[in-house]
Amino acid sequence: EASGDSWRLSSVSRSRSNASSTLDASINEAILGTWRCVETFGLEEFLKATGVGIFQRKLAMAAAWPVWDFSAEGKVIKFVNHSAIGDLFEDIPLGKEYEWKDGHKNKLTCKAAWKASADGGCLTINRSGAIGSYKEERTVSGTRLTFLLTHGTGVTWGRCFERVA
């Protein structure tokens, strides 16, 4: 496992440094790299509020916490969520609408934006589809990334990550 992590970390580090000419420098410094989940909050309440049954909730609550990789290719942020159900990939073009399928194959229409701040920034993705509307916020402050998912009804859950590379 350690050698697999080393390969991934060095691969992401290369992508991070190669992206400087195409993405805004504030994005390169803030979000690109590898992040390890260190805390999850509000998940069970979110799942209950959105109608997820007890069996699926128990599975979600017991799942291993993810590692996230962000790299860049041209003007697209490439995101990999190393999750309990496998690796989930997303190409995130900033400022334009795109389609994406989640881990359960639900088709979503998405639009992403980056807003820089003094110590990082926030990647916001608005998503909508047959399963509902969601807003994802990934806020970077120094070496900490906070993820917050808000359902169209207002219920939220989130995770906190620390930078690995």
N, C-alpha and C. Protein backbone atom coordinates (compact mmCIF):
# COMPACT_ATOMS: atom_id res chain seq x y z
N GLU A 1 0.83 -1.19 0.00
CA GLU A 1 0.00 0.00 0.00
C GLU A 1 0.86 1.24 0.00
N ALA A 2 1.95 1.24 0.78
CA ALA A 2 2.80 2.43 0.85
C ALA A 2 3.39 2.75 -0.51
N SER A 3 3.82 1.72 -1.26
CA SER A 3 4.39 2.00 -2.57
C SER A 3 3.33 2.55 -3.52
N GLY A 4 2.09 2.08 -3.41
CA GLY A 4 1.01 2.63 -4.22
C GLY A 4 0.77 4.08 -3.90
N ASP A 5 0.77 4.42 -2.60
CA ASP A 5 0.60 5.82 -2.19
C ASP A 5 1.74 6.67 -2.71
N SER A 6 2.98 6.14 -2.65
CA SER A 6 4.13 6.91 -3.12
C SER A 6 3.99 7.24 -4.59
N TRP A 7 3.58 6.26 -5.40
CA TRP A 7 3.41 6.51 -6.82
C TRP A 7 2.36 7.58 -7.04
N ARG A 8 1.21 7.45 -6.34
CA ARG A 8 0.13 8.42 -6.51
C ARG A 8 0.58 9.80 -6.07
N LEU A 9 1.28 9.89 -4.95
CA LEU A 9 1.72 11.19 -4.45
C LEU A 9 2.69 11.84 -5.42
N SER A 10 3.64 11.08 -5.95
CA SER A 10 4.59 11.68 -6.88
C SER A 10 3.90 12.06 -8.19
N SER A 11 2.93 11.27 -8.62
CA SER A 11 2.18 11.58 -9.83
C SER A 11 1.39 12.87 -9.66
N VAL A 12 0.73 13.03 -8.52
CA VAL A 12 -0.05 14.24 -8.27
C VAL A 12 0.88 15.44 -8.13
N SER A 13 2.02 15.28 -7.48
CA SER A 13 2.96 16.39 -7.32
C SER A 13 3.43 16.88 -8.68
N ARG A 14 3.71 15.97 -9.60
CA ARG A 14 4.12 16.37 -10.95
C ARG A 14 2.99 17.14 -11.63
N SER A 15 1.76 16.66 -11.51
CA SER A 15 0.63 17.34 -12.14
C SER A 15 0.43 18.71 -11.54
N ARG A 16 0.69 18.83 -10.25
CA ARG A 16 0.52 20.11 -9.56
C ARG A 16 1.50 21.14 -10.12
N SER A 17 2.78 20.76 -10.29
CA SER A 17 3.76 21.72 -10.77
C SER A 17 3.60 22.00 -12.26
N ASN A 18 3.12 21.05 -13.04
CA ASN A 18 2.95 21.25 -14.48
C ASN A 18 1.74 22.12 -14.81
N ALA A 19 0.85 22.33 -13.88
CA ALA A 19 -0.39 23.04 -14.15
C ALA A 19 -0.25 24.55 -14.06
N SER A 20 0.89 25.03 -13.61
CA SER A 20 1.01 26.45 -13.28
C SER A 20 0.73 27.38 -14.45
N SER A 21 0.95 26.96 -15.69
CA SER A 21 0.74 27.86 -16.81
C SER A 21 -0.70 27.89 -17.30
N THR A 22 -1.55 26.99 -16.82
CA THR A 22 -2.90 26.93 -17.37
C THR A 22 -4.01 27.25 -16.38
N LEU A 23 -3.86 26.89 -15.12
CA LEU A 23 -4.84 27.23 -14.11
C LEU A 23 -4.36 28.42 -13.31
N ASP A 24 -5.29 29.15 -12.73
CA ASP A 24 -4.97 30.25 -11.85
C ASP A 24 -3.99 29.79 -10.77
N ALA A 25 -2.96 30.56 -10.50
CA ALA A 25 -1.94 30.17 -9.51
C ALA A 25 -2.54 29.92 -8.14
N SER A 26 -3.61 30.62 -7.77
CA SER A 26 -4.22 30.41 -6.45
C SER A 26 -4.80 29.01 -6.33
N ILE A 27 -5.27 28.45 -7.46
CA ILE A 27 -5.80 27.08 -7.44
C ILE A 27 -4.66 26.10 -7.26
N ASN A 28 -3.57 26.31 -8.02
CA ASN A 28 -2.42 25.41 -7.92
C ASN A 28 -1.92 25.29 -6.50
N GLU A 29 -1.73 26.40 -5.85
CA GLU A 29 -1.18 26.39 -4.50
C GLU A 29 -2.18 25.88 -3.48
N ALA A 30 -3.45 26.13 -3.69
CA ALA A 30 -4.44 25.82 -2.67
C ALA A 30 -4.93 24.37 -2.70
N ILE A 31 -5.48 23.92 -3.80
CA ILE A 31 -6.21 22.65 -3.77
C ILE A 31 -5.49 21.48 -4.42
N LEU A 32 -4.61 21.73 -5.38
CA LEU A 32 -3.97 20.62 -6.08
C LEU A 32 -3.06 19.84 -5.14
N GLY A 33 -3.15 18.52 -5.20
CA GLY A 33 -2.36 17.66 -4.34
C GLY A 33 -3.21 16.54 -3.78
N THR A 34 -2.74 15.91 -2.71
CA THR A 34 -3.42 14.77 -2.10
C THR A 34 -3.89 15.15 -0.71
N TRP A 35 -5.12 14.74 -0.40
CA TRP A 35 -5.77 15.07 0.87
C TRP A 35 -6.32 13.79 1.51
N ARG A 36 -6.09 13.63 2.83
CA ARG A 36 -6.56 12.46 3.56
C ARG A 36 -7.65 12.91 4.54
N CYS A 37 -8.79 12.19 4.53
CA CYS A 37 -9.91 12.52 5.41
C CYS A 37 -9.54 12.24 6.86
N VAL A 38 -9.82 13.21 7.75
CA VAL A 38 -9.52 13.05 9.17
C VAL A 38 -10.78 13.20 10.05
N GLU A 39 -11.90 13.59 9.45
CA GLU A 39 -13.12 13.78 10.22
C GLU A 39 -14.33 13.77 9.29
N THR A 40 -15.42 13.20 9.76
CA THR A 40 -16.70 13.22 9.05
C THR A 40 -17.76 13.71 10.04
N PHE A 41 -18.66 14.58 9.57
CA PHE A 41 -19.69 15.10 10.48
C PHE A 41 -21.04 15.21 9.75
N GLY A 42 -22.11 14.88 10.48
CA GLY A 42 -23.48 15.05 9.99
C GLY A 42 -23.95 14.04 8.96
N LEU A 43 -23.20 12.99 8.70
CA LEU A 43 -23.54 12.04 7.63
C LEU A 43 -24.84 11.29 7.93
N GLU A 44 -24.96 10.73 9.12
CA GLU A 44 -26.16 9.93 9.41
C GLU A 44 -27.42 10.79 9.34
N GLU A 45 -27.38 11.99 9.88
CA GLU A 45 -28.54 12.88 9.84
C GLU A 45 -28.90 13.25 8.39
N PHE A 46 -27.87 13.49 7.57
CA PHE A 46 -28.08 13.82 6.16
C PHE A 46 -28.76 12.65 5.45
N LEU A 47 -28.25 11.44 5.66
CA LEU A 47 -28.81 10.26 4.99
C LEU A 47 -30.26 10.02 5.42
N LYS A 48 -30.55 10.17 6.70
CA LYS A 48 -31.93 10.03 7.19
C LYS A 48 -32.83 11.06 6.51
N ALA A 49 -32.39 12.31 6.49
CA ALA A 49 -33.20 13.40 5.95
C ALA A 49 -33.45 13.25 4.45
N THR A 50 -32.56 12.56 3.74
CA THR A 50 -32.73 12.39 2.30
C THR A 50 -33.33 11.03 1.95
N GLY A 51 -33.86 10.31 2.97
CA GLY A 51 -34.62 9.10 2.71
C GLY A 51 -33.83 7.82 2.54
N VAL A 52 -32.58 7.79 2.93
CA VAL A 52 -31.77 6.58 2.81
C VAL A 52 -32.14 5.62 3.94
N GLY A 53 -32.36 4.36 3.59
CA GLY A 53 -32.77 3.35 4.57
C GLY A 53 -31.67 3.00 5.56
N ILE A 54 -32.07 2.34 6.63
CA ILE A 54 -31.14 2.04 7.73
C ILE A 54 -29.97 1.17 7.29
N PHE A 55 -30.21 0.17 6.44
CA PHE A 55 -29.13 -0.71 6.00
C PHE A 55 -28.06 0.08 5.23
N GLN A 56 -28.50 0.89 4.27
CA GLN A 56 -27.56 1.71 3.50
C GLN A 56 -26.85 2.73 4.38
N ARG A 57 -27.55 3.28 5.37
CA ARG A 57 -26.93 4.24 6.30
C ARG A 57 -25.82 3.57 7.09
N LYS A 58 -26.09 2.35 7.57
CA LYS A 58 -25.08 1.63 8.36
C LYS A 58 -23.84 1.34 7.51
N LEU A 59 -24.05 0.96 6.26
CA LEU A 59 -22.91 0.73 5.36
C LEU A 59 -22.11 2.01 5.17
N ALA A 60 -22.80 3.10 4.91
CA ALA A 60 -22.12 4.39 4.70
C ALA A 60 -21.34 4.82 5.94
N MET A 61 -21.93 4.62 7.11
CA MET A 61 -21.28 5.04 8.35
C MET A 61 -20.04 4.19 8.67
N ALA A 62 -20.03 2.94 8.20
CA ALA A 62 -18.91 2.04 8.48
C ALA A 62 -17.81 2.11 7.41
N ALA A 63 -18.06 2.78 6.32
CA ALA A 63 -17.11 2.81 5.20
C ALA A 63 -15.82 3.53 5.59
N ALA A 64 -14.72 3.07 5.01
CA ALA A 64 -13.42 3.71 5.23
C ALA A 64 -13.47 5.15 4.71
N TRP A 65 -12.75 6.01 5.38
CA TRP A 65 -12.70 7.42 4.96
C TRP A 65 -11.80 7.55 3.72
N PRO A 66 -12.14 8.47 2.84
CA PRO A 66 -11.43 8.55 1.55
C PRO A 66 -10.13 9.34 1.59
N VAL A 67 -9.39 9.19 0.50
CA VAL A 67 -8.26 10.04 0.15
C VAL A 67 -8.64 10.70 -1.16
N TRP A 68 -8.39 12.00 -1.28
CA TRP A 68 -8.72 12.73 -2.49
C TRP A 68 -7.45 13.23 -3.17
N ASP A 69 -7.43 13.14 -4.50
CA ASP A 69 -6.34 13.70 -5.31
C ASP A 69 -6.92 14.75 -6.25
N PHE A 70 -6.27 15.88 -6.32
CA PHE A 70 -6.60 16.93 -7.28
C PHE A 70 -5.36 17.22 -8.10
N SER A 71 -5.50 17.18 -9.41
CA SER A 71 -4.42 17.56 -10.32
C SER A 71 -5.05 18.43 -11.40
N ALA A 72 -4.26 18.85 -12.36
CA ALA A 72 -4.79 19.71 -13.42
C ALA A 72 -4.26 19.26 -14.76
N GLU A 73 -5.11 19.42 -15.76
CA GLU A 73 -4.74 19.16 -17.14
C GLU A 73 -5.36 20.28 -17.95
N GLY A 74 -4.53 21.16 -18.47
CA GLY A 74 -5.06 22.34 -19.15
C GLY A 74 -5.84 23.19 -18.17
N LYS A 75 -7.07 23.53 -18.53
CA LYS A 75 -7.91 24.35 -17.66
C LYS A 75 -8.96 23.53 -16.92
N VAL A 76 -8.66 22.24 -16.73
CA VAL A 76 -9.57 21.32 -16.07
C VAL A 76 -8.92 20.78 -14.79
N ILE A 77 -9.67 20.83 -13.69
CA ILE A 77 -9.23 20.19 -12.46
C ILE A 77 -9.63 18.72 -12.55
N LYS A 78 -8.68 17.82 -12.34
CA LYS A 78 -8.95 16.38 -12.38
C LYS A 78 -9.02 15.91 -10.94
N PHE A 79 -10.16 15.32 -10.59
CA PHE A 79 -10.42 14.89 -9.21
C PHE A 79 -10.56 13.39 -9.17
N VAL A 80 -9.88 12.76 -8.20
CA VAL A 80 -10.04 11.32 -7.95
C VAL A 80 -10.38 11.16 -6.47
N ASN A 81 -11.51 10.52 -6.22
CA ASN A 81 -11.95 10.20 -4.87
C ASN A 81 -11.67 8.72 -4.67
N HIS A 82 -10.65 8.40 -3.87
CA HIS A 82 -10.32 7.01 -3.55
C HIS A 82 -11.24 6.61 -2.40
N SER A 83 -12.40 6.04 -2.76
CA SER A 83 -13.47 5.80 -1.78
C SER A 83 -13.62 4.31 -1.48
N ALA A 84 -14.50 4.01 -0.53
CA ALA A 84 -14.78 2.63 -0.15
C ALA A 84 -15.41 1.84 -1.29
N ILE A 85 -16.04 2.51 -2.26
CA ILE A 85 -16.67 1.79 -3.38
C ILE A 85 -15.78 1.82 -4.63
N GLY A 86 -14.53 2.23 -4.47
CA GLY A 86 -13.60 2.29 -5.58
C GLY A 86 -13.24 3.72 -5.92
N ASP A 87 -12.39 3.87 -6.92
CA ASP A 87 -11.97 5.20 -7.34
C ASP A 87 -13.04 5.84 -8.21
N LEU A 88 -13.43 7.06 -7.85
CA LEU A 88 -14.39 7.84 -8.61
C LEU A 88 -13.65 9.00 -9.24
N PHE A 89 -13.85 9.21 -10.54
CA PHE A 89 -13.11 10.23 -11.29
C PHE A 89 -14.06 11.33 -11.76
N GLU A 90 -13.55 12.56 -11.75
CA GLU A 90 -14.33 13.68 -12.29
C GLU A 90 -13.38 14.70 -12.89
N ASP A 91 -13.67 15.12 -14.12
CA ASP A 91 -12.98 16.24 -14.76
C ASP A 91 -13.84 17.46 -14.53
N ILE A 92 -13.28 18.49 -13.89
CA ILE A 92 -14.04 19.66 -13.47
C ILE A 92 -13.58 20.89 -14.25
N PRO A 93 -14.32 21.27 -15.31
CA PRO A 93 -13.99 22.51 -16.01
C PRO A 93 -14.60 23.68 -15.23
N LEU A 94 -13.82 24.71 -14.99
CA LEU A 94 -14.34 25.84 -14.21
C LEU A 94 -15.14 26.79 -15.10
N GLY A 95 -16.28 27.24 -14.57
CA GLY A 95 -17.07 28.28 -15.23
C GLY A 95 -17.96 27.83 -16.37
N LYS A 96 -18.07 26.53 -16.61
CA LYS A 96 -18.98 26.08 -17.67
C LYS A 96 -19.72 24.83 -17.24
N GLU A 97 -20.91 24.66 -17.78
CA GLU A 97 -21.75 23.52 -17.43
C GLU A 97 -21.18 22.24 -18.03
N TYR A 98 -21.29 21.15 -17.26
CA TYR A 98 -20.84 19.84 -17.74
C TYR A 98 -21.72 18.76 -17.10
N GLU A 99 -21.67 17.56 -17.68
CA GLU A 99 -22.43 16.44 -17.14
C GLU A 99 -21.47 15.46 -16.49
N TRP A 100 -21.96 14.81 -15.43
CA TRP A 100 -21.16 13.85 -14.68
C TRP A 100 -22.08 12.81 -14.07
N LYS A 101 -21.59 11.58 -13.95
CA LYS A 101 -22.34 10.51 -13.28
C LYS A 101 -21.66 10.18 -11.96
N ASP A 102 -22.45 10.14 -10.89
CA ASP A 102 -21.90 9.83 -9.58
C ASP A 102 -21.61 8.34 -9.46
N GLY A 103 -21.18 7.90 -8.27
CA GLY A 103 -20.82 6.51 -8.02
C GLY A 103 -21.97 5.53 -8.18
N HIS A 104 -23.20 6.04 -8.18
CA HIS A 104 -24.39 5.19 -8.37
C HIS A 104 -24.96 5.35 -9.78
N LYS A 105 -24.19 5.98 -10.67
CA LYS A 105 -24.55 6.19 -12.08
C LYS A 105 -25.68 7.19 -12.29
N ASN A 106 -25.94 8.05 -11.29
CA ASN A 106 -26.94 9.10 -11.45
C ASN A 106 -26.34 10.23 -12.30
N LYS A 107 -27.04 10.60 -13.36
CA LYS A 107 -26.57 11.66 -14.25
C LYS A 107 -26.89 13.02 -13.63
N LEU A 108 -25.87 13.88 -13.55
CA LEU A 108 -26.03 15.20 -12.95
C LEU A 108 -25.48 16.27 -13.88
N THR A 109 -26.15 17.41 -13.92
CA THR A 109 -25.66 18.58 -14.63
C THR A 109 -24.96 19.44 -13.58
N CYS A 110 -23.73 19.86 -13.89
CA CYS A 110 -22.88 20.52 -12.89
C CYS A 110 -22.29 21.81 -13.43
N LYS A 111 -21.96 22.71 -12.50
CA LYS A 111 -21.21 23.92 -12.84
C LYS A 111 -20.31 24.24 -11.65
N ALA A 112 -19.01 24.44 -11.94
CA ALA A 112 -18.02 24.65 -10.90
C ALA A 112 -17.40 26.04 -11.00
N ALA A 113 -17.00 26.56 -9.84
CA ALA A 113 -16.31 27.86 -9.78
C ALA A 113 -15.27 27.81 -8.67
N TRP A 114 -14.21 28.58 -8.84
CA TRP A 114 -13.16 28.72 -7.83
C TRP A 114 -13.12 30.16 -7.38
N LYS A 115 -13.06 30.36 -6.06
CA LYS A 115 -12.91 31.70 -5.49
C LYS A 115 -11.72 31.67 -4.55
N ALA A 116 -10.68 32.44 -4.87
CA ALA A 116 -9.47 32.48 -4.06
C ALA A 116 -9.72 33.25 -2.77
N SER A 117 -8.95 32.90 -1.73
CA SER A 117 -8.97 33.64 -0.47
C SER A 117 -7.52 33.85 -0.04
N ALA A 118 -7.32 34.60 1.02
CA ALA A 118 -5.97 34.92 1.48
C ALA A 118 -5.16 33.68 1.83
N ASP A 119 -5.80 32.63 2.38
CA ASP A 119 -5.06 31.44 2.78
C ASP A 119 -5.49 30.18 2.04
N GLY A 120 -6.13 30.32 0.87
CA GLY A 120 -6.57 29.15 0.10
C GLY A 120 -7.61 29.52 -0.92
N GLY A 121 -8.83 29.01 -0.72
CA GLY A 121 -9.92 29.30 -1.64
C GLY A 121 -11.02 28.28 -1.50
N CYS A 122 -12.04 28.41 -2.35
CA CYS A 122 -13.19 27.51 -2.29
C CYS A 122 -13.59 27.07 -3.69
N LEU A 123 -13.65 25.76 -3.89
CA LEU A 123 -14.18 25.17 -5.12
C LEU A 123 -15.64 24.82 -4.83
N THR A 124 -16.54 25.47 -5.57
CA THR A 124 -17.97 25.23 -5.41
C THR A 124 -18.49 24.54 -6.66
N ILE A 125 -19.25 23.46 -6.46
CA ILE A 125 -19.88 22.76 -7.58
C ILE A 125 -21.37 22.65 -7.28
N ASN A 126 -22.19 23.20 -8.16
CA ASN A 126 -23.64 23.04 -8.06
C ASN A 126 -24.03 21.90 -8.99
N ARG A 127 -24.83 20.96 -8.46
CA ARG A 127 -25.23 19.77 -9.22
C ARG A 127 -26.74 19.64 -9.16
N SER A 128 -27.33 19.18 -10.28
CA SER A 128 -28.77 18.89 -10.28
C SER A 128 -29.05 17.73 -11.22
N GLY A 129 -30.06 16.95 -10.84
CA GLY A 129 -30.46 15.80 -11.63
C GLY A 129 -31.73 15.22 -11.04
N ALA A 130 -32.11 14.04 -11.51
CA ALA A 130 -33.34 13.39 -11.06
C ALA A 130 -33.32 13.11 -9.55
N ILE A 131 -32.13 12.95 -8.97
CA ILE A 131 -32.04 12.64 -7.54
C ILE A 131 -32.11 13.90 -6.66
N GLY A 132 -32.08 15.09 -7.27
CA GLY A 132 -32.18 16.32 -6.50
C GLY A 132 -31.11 17.31 -6.88
N SER A 133 -31.06 18.40 -6.11
CA SER A 133 -30.07 19.45 -6.31
C SER A 133 -29.14 19.49 -5.11
N TYR A 134 -27.86 19.71 -5.39
CA TYR A 134 -26.83 19.71 -4.35
C TYR A 134 -25.85 20.83 -4.61
N LYS A 135 -25.22 21.28 -3.53
CA LYS A 135 -24.12 22.23 -3.62
C LYS A 135 -22.96 21.64 -2.84
N GLU A 136 -21.81 21.51 -3.50
CA GLU A 136 -20.60 21.01 -2.85
C GLU A 136 -19.64 22.17 -2.70
N GLU A 137 -19.10 22.33 -1.50
CA GLU A 137 -18.09 23.35 -1.26
C GLU A 137 -16.86 22.68 -0.68
N ARG A 138 -15.72 22.89 -1.33
CA ARG A 138 -14.43 22.39 -0.84
C ARG A 138 -13.60 23.63 -0.52
N THR A 139 -13.50 23.94 0.76
CA THR A 139 -12.82 25.16 1.19
C THR A 139 -11.45 24.81 1.75
N VAL A 140 -10.42 25.42 1.16
CA VAL A 140 -9.04 25.18 1.60
C VAL A 140 -8.59 26.38 2.44
N SER A 141 -8.04 26.05 3.60
CA SER A 141 -7.45 27.06 4.48
C SER A 141 -6.12 26.49 4.95
N GLY A 142 -5.04 26.95 4.34
CA GLY A 142 -3.71 26.40 4.67
C GLY A 142 -3.61 24.95 4.26
N THR A 143 -3.34 24.07 5.23
CA THR A 143 -3.20 22.63 4.94
C THR A 143 -4.46 21.84 5.29
N ARG A 144 -5.58 22.54 5.44
CA ARG A 144 -6.85 21.89 5.78
C ARG A 144 -7.87 22.16 4.68
N LEU A 145 -8.61 21.12 4.30
CA LEU A 145 -9.68 21.23 3.32
C LEU A 145 -10.97 20.77 4.02
N THR A 146 -12.00 21.60 3.95
CA THR A 146 -13.30 21.24 4.52
C THR A 146 -14.29 21.08 3.38
N PHE A 147 -14.94 19.93 3.34
CA PHE A 147 -15.95 19.61 2.33
C PHE A 147 -17.31 19.73 2.99
N LEU A 148 -18.23 20.43 2.33
CA LEU A 148 -19.59 20.55 2.83
C LEU A 148 -20.54 20.28 1.68
N LEU A 149 -21.45 19.32 1.85
CA LEU A 149 -22.46 18.98 0.85
C LEU A 149 -23.82 19.43 1.38
N THR A 150 -24.49 20.27 0.62
CA THR A 150 -25.80 20.78 1.01
C THR A 150 -26.83 20.30 0.00
N HIS A 151 -27.84 19.58 0.49
CA HIS A 151 -28.96 19.13 -0.34
C HIS A 151 -29.88 20.31 -0.60
N GLY A 152 -30.66 20.27 -1.66
CA GLY A 152 -31.60 21.34 -2.00
C GLY A 152 -32.58 21.67 -0.88
N THR A 153 -32.79 20.73 0.04
CA THR A 153 -33.69 20.97 1.18
C THR A 153 -33.00 21.73 2.31
N GLY A 154 -31.67 21.89 2.22
CA GLY A 154 -30.92 22.61 3.24
C GLY A 154 -30.14 21.73 4.19
N VAL A 155 -30.37 20.43 4.21
CA VAL A 155 -29.63 19.53 5.11
C VAL A 155 -28.19 19.37 4.59
N THR A 156 -27.21 19.28 5.52
CA THR A 156 -25.80 19.23 5.13
C THR A 156 -25.05 18.11 5.85
N TRP A 157 -23.92 17.74 5.29
CA TRP A 157 -22.94 16.88 5.96
C TRP A 157 -21.59 17.25 5.39
N GLY A 158 -20.52 16.80 6.05
CA GLY A 158 -19.21 17.17 5.55
C GLY A 158 -18.08 16.30 6.06
N ARG A 159 -16.90 16.65 5.56
CA ARG A 159 -15.66 15.97 5.93
C ARG A 159 -14.56 17.01 6.04
N CYS A 160 -13.55 16.70 6.85
CA CYS A 160 -12.36 17.53 6.93
C CYS A 160 -11.17 16.68 6.48
N PHE A 161 -10.28 17.31 5.74
CA PHE A 161 -9.11 16.64 5.18
C PHE A 161 -7.84 17.41 5.56
N GLU A 162 -6.73 16.69 5.62
CA GLU A 162 -5.42 17.32 5.80
C GLU A 162 -4.57 16.99 4.60
N ARG A 163 -3.75 17.97 4.19
CA ARG A 163 -2.88 17.79 3.03
C ARG A 163 -1.82 16.73 3.31
N VAL A 164 -1.68 15.80 2.36
CA VAL A 164 -0.65 14.77 2.44
C VAL A 164 0.52 15.18 1.55
N ALA A 165 0.22 15.70 0.37
CA ALA A 165 1.26 16.13 -0.58
C ALA A 165 0.71 17.23 -1.46
